[in-house]
Amino acid sequence: MEPRGMKKWRPFATMPEQYIGLQEVINKQEEVAQPVLTEEQMEQINFTLIEALHTNKQVYLTYYKRGQCITETGFIQFVDSLGGLFIFIDDVFELKNKMRLSELIDVRFE
């Protein structure tokens, strides 16, 4: 026979795992598929990036990361069209962010 105290707490042993599982389900429901861009949209993004790089104008960048579309403001510092990368400095923390062009969904001037 087990001590009474042990039985009392046994049902709660799985609570953290259940909670984590529930969080994952909730997060999965919030996830969206990455939008597929047309050739024209990709060209437009490229033109806007290069213009932003040369004029040093602030842009709104919308990119896809871990199932979500995120929009940030910043300045383009470097564009490598062949390598499929660009670097932007975000407006809030002034940190350099290296990102893949394939993650970009939209780029607009303010």
C-alpha atoms as a PDB file:
ATOM      1  CA  MET A   1       0.000   0.000   0.000  1.00  0.00           C
ATOM      2  CA  GLU A   2       1.320   3.455  -0.991  1.00  0.00           C
ATOM      3  CA  PRO A   3       1.404   6.390   1.390  1.00  0.00           C
ATOM      4  CA  ARG A   4      -1.661   8.622   0.988  1.00  0.00           C
ATOM      5  CA  GLY A   5       0.299  11.747   0.137  1.00  0.00           C
ATOM      6  CA  MET A   6       1.761  10.131  -2.986  1.00  0.00           C
ATOM      7  CA  LYS A   7      -1.639   9.344  -4.505  1.00  0.00           C
ATOM      8  CA  LYS A   8      -2.946  12.818  -3.852  1.00  0.00           C
ATOM      9  CA  TRP A   9      -0.339  14.488  -6.068  1.00  0.00           C
ATOM     10  CA  ARG A  10      -0.104  11.889  -8.834  1.00  0.00           C
ATOM     11  CA  PRO A  11      -2.854  13.432 -11.050  1.00  0.00           C
ATOM     12  CA  PHE A  12      -0.924  16.709 -11.170  1.00  0.00           C
ATOM     13  CA  ALA A  13       2.347  15.150 -12.358  1.00  0.00           C
ATOM     14  CA  THR A  14       1.378  15.494 -16.024  1.00  0.00           C
ATOM     15  CA  MET A  15       0.025  19.030 -15.821  1.00  0.00           C
ATOM     16  CA  PRO A  16       3.146  20.828 -17.114  1.00  0.00           C
ATOM     17  CA  GLU A  17       3.352  18.496 -20.142  1.00  0.00           C
ATOM     18  CA  GLN A  18      -0.349  18.957 -20.838  1.00  0.00           C
ATOM     19  CA  TYR A  19       0.046  22.714 -20.568  1.00  0.00           C
ATOM     20  CA  ILE A  20       3.023  22.704 -22.945  1.00  0.00           C
ATOM     21  CA  GLY A  21       1.059  20.501 -25.356  1.00  0.00           C
ATOM     22  CA  LEU A  22      -1.873  22.885 -25.187  1.00  0.00           C
ATOM     23  CA  GLN A  23       0.413  25.873 -25.839  1.00  0.00           C
ATOM     24  CA  GLU A  24       1.785  24.093 -28.921  1.00  0.00           C
ATOM     25  CA  VAL A  25      -1.745  23.490 -30.210  1.00  0.00           C
ATOM     26  CA  ILE A  26      -2.650  27.155 -29.642  1.00  0.00           C
ATOM     27  CA  ASN A  27       0.581  28.316 -31.336  1.00  0.00           C
ATOM     28  CA  LYS A  28      -0.012  25.984 -34.281  1.00  0.00           C
ATOM     29  CA  GLN A  29      -3.495  27.460 -34.778  1.00  0.00           C
ATOM     30  CA  GLU A  30      -1.947  30.936 -35.009  1.00  0.00           C
ATOM     31  CA  GLU A  31       0.556  29.789 -37.637  1.00  0.00           C
ATOM     32  CA  VAL A  32       0.011  30.738 -41.249  1.00  0.00           C
ATOM     33  CA  ALA A  33       1.540  29.300 -44.397  1.00  0.00           C
ATOM     34  CA  GLN A  34       4.219  31.415 -46.052  1.00  0.00           C
ATOM     35  CA  PRO A  35       2.616  33.477 -48.824  1.00  0.00           C
ATOM     36  CA  VAL A  36       3.878  32.580 -52.296  1.00  0.00           C
ATOM     37  CA  LEU A  37       5.017  35.642 -54.227  1.00  0.00           C
ATOM     38  CA  THR A  38       4.767  36.149 -57.957  1.00  0.00           C
ATOM     39  CA  GLU A  39       7.859  36.941 -60.043  1.00  0.00           C
ATOM     40  CA  GLU A  40       6.569  40.523 -60.321  1.00  0.00           C
ATOM     41  CA  GLN A  41       6.199  40.905 -56.526  1.00  0.00           C
ATOM     42  CA  MET A  42       9.744  39.549 -56.000  1.00  0.00           C
ATOM     43  CA  GLU A  43      11.127  42.024 -58.542  1.00  0.00           C
ATOM     44  CA  GLN A  44       9.262  44.880 -56.867  1.00  0.00           C
ATOM     45  CA  ILE A  45      10.709  43.874 -53.478  1.00  0.00           C
ATOM     46  CA  ASN A  46      14.202  43.810 -54.999  1.00  0.00           C
ATOM     47  CA  PHE A  47      13.781  47.273 -56.571  1.00  0.00           C
ATOM     48  CA  THR A  48      12.445  48.714 -53.317  1.00  0.00           C
ATOM     49  CA  LEU A  49      15.321  47.187 -51.302  1.00  0.00           C
ATOM     50  CA  ILE A  50      17.930  48.623 -53.662  1.00  0.00           C
ATOM     51  CA  GLU A  51      16.229  52.031 -53.710  1.00  0.00           C
ATOM     52  CA  ALA A  52      16.060  51.998 -49.896  1.00  0.00           C
ATOM     53  CA  LEU A  53      19.746  51.074 -49.760  1.00  0.00           C
ATOM     54  CA  HIS A  54      20.780  53.981 -52.010  1.00  0.00           C
ATOM     55  CA  THR A  55      18.439  56.631 -50.591  1.00  0.00           C
ATOM     56  CA  ASN A  56      18.781  55.470 -46.943  1.00  0.00           C
ATOM     57  CA  LYS A  57      15.016  55.807 -46.543  1.00  0.00           C
ATOM     58  CA  GLN A  58      13.255  53.910 -43.787  1.00  0.00           C
ATOM     59  CA  VAL A  59      11.166  50.936 -44.882  1.00  0.00           C
ATOM     60  CA  TYR A  60       8.491  48.631 -43.523  1.00  0.00           C
ATOM     61  CA  LEU A  61       9.721  45.062 -43.909  1.00  0.00           C
ATOM     62  CA  THR A  62       7.255  42.205 -43.686  1.00  0.00           C
ATOM     63  CA  TYR A  63       8.853  38.795 -43.433  1.00  0.00           C
ATOM     64  CA  TYR A  64       7.889  35.234 -42.625  1.00  0.00           C
ATOM     65  CA  LYS A  65       9.367  33.508 -39.605  1.00  0.00           C
ATOM     66  CA  ARG A  66       8.229  30.397 -37.715  1.00  0.00           C
ATOM     67  CA  GLY A  67       4.702  30.407 -39.061  1.00  0.00           C
ATOM     68  CA  GLN A  68       4.090  34.127 -38.627  1.00  0.00           C
ATOM     69  CA  CYS A  69       4.227  37.279 -40.718  1.00  0.00           C
ATOM     70  CA  ILE A  70       6.195  39.956 -38.867  1.00  0.00           C
ATOM     71  CA  THR A  71       6.487  43.635 -39.817  1.00  0.00           C
ATOM     72  CA  GLU A  72       9.372  45.821 -38.662  1.00  0.00           C
ATOM     73  CA  THR A  73      10.721  49.202 -39.619  1.00  0.00           C
ATOM     74  CA  GLY A  74      14.350  49.746 -40.411  1.00  0.00           C
ATOM     75  CA  PHE A  75      17.040  50.785 -42.831  1.00  0.00           C
ATOM     76  CA  ILE A  76      18.564  48.576 -45.514  1.00  0.00           C
ATOM     77  CA  GLN A  77      22.339  48.385 -45.160  1.00  0.00           C
ATOM     78  CA  PHE A  78      23.327  45.715 -47.666  1.00  0.00           C
ATOM     79  CA  VAL A  79      21.668  43.716 -50.453  1.00  0.00           C
ATOM     80  CA  ASP A  80      23.172  40.583 -51.995  1.00  0.00           C
ATOM     81  CA  SER A  81      20.693  39.568 -54.719  1.00  0.00           C
ATOM     82  CA  LEU A  82      22.855  36.693 -55.954  1.00  0.00           C
ATOM     83  CA  GLY A  83      23.423  35.293 -52.461  1.00  0.00           C
ATOM     84  CA  GLY A  84      19.773  35.884 -51.585  1.00  0.00           C
ATOM     85  CA  LEU A  85      20.604  37.885 -48.451  1.00  0.00           C
ATOM     86  CA  PHE A  86      20.178  41.398 -47.155  1.00  0.00           C
ATOM     87  CA  ILE A  87      21.056  43.238 -43.965  1.00  0.00           C
ATOM     88  CA  PHE A  88      18.794  45.736 -42.282  1.00  0.00           C
ATOM     89  CA  ILE A  89      19.199  47.787 -39.136  1.00  0.00           C
ATOM     90  CA  ASP A  90      16.006  47.745 -37.131  1.00  0.00           C
ATOM     91  CA  ASP A  91      14.514  50.983 -35.930  1.00  0.00           C
ATOM     92  CA  VAL A  92      13.974  49.964 -32.311  1.00  0.00           C
ATOM     93  CA  PHE A  93      17.225  48.382 -31.130  1.00  0.00           C
ATOM     94  CA  GLU A  94      19.455  49.599 -33.973  1.00  0.00           C
ATOM     95  CA  LEU A  95      20.753  46.047 -34.381  1.00  0.00           C
ATOM     96  CA  LYS A  96      21.980  44.521 -37.627  1.00  0.00           C
ATOM     97  CA  ASN A  97      19.784  41.710 -38.884  1.00  0.00           C
ATOM     98  CA  LYS A  98      20.903  39.388 -41.644  1.00  0.00           C
ATOM     99  CA  MET A  99      17.945  37.909 -43.468  1.00  0.00           C
ATOM    100  CA  ARG A 100      17.159  35.784 -46.509  1.00  0.00           C
ATOM    101  CA  LEU A 101      15.385  37.461 -49.402  1.00  0.00           C
ATOM    102  CA  SER A 102      13.185  34.343 -49.595  1.00  0.00           C
ATOM    103  CA  GLU A 103      11.713  35.203 -46.155  1.00  0.00           C
ATOM    104  CA  LEU A 104      10.542  38.625 -47.341  1.00  0.00           C
ATOM    105  CA  ILE A 105       6.872  39.079 -48.118  1.00  0.00           C
ATOM    106  CA  ASP A 106       6.717  42.842 -48.607  1.00  0.00           C
ATOM    107  CA  VAL A 107       8.852  45.988 -48.451  1.00  0.00           C
ATOM    108  CA  ARG A 108       7.330  49.467 -48.468  1.00  0.00           C
ATOM    109  CA  PHE A 109       8.488  52.995 -47.870  1.00  0.00           C
ATOM    110  CA  GLU A 110       6.892  54.784 -44.937  1.00  0.00           C
END
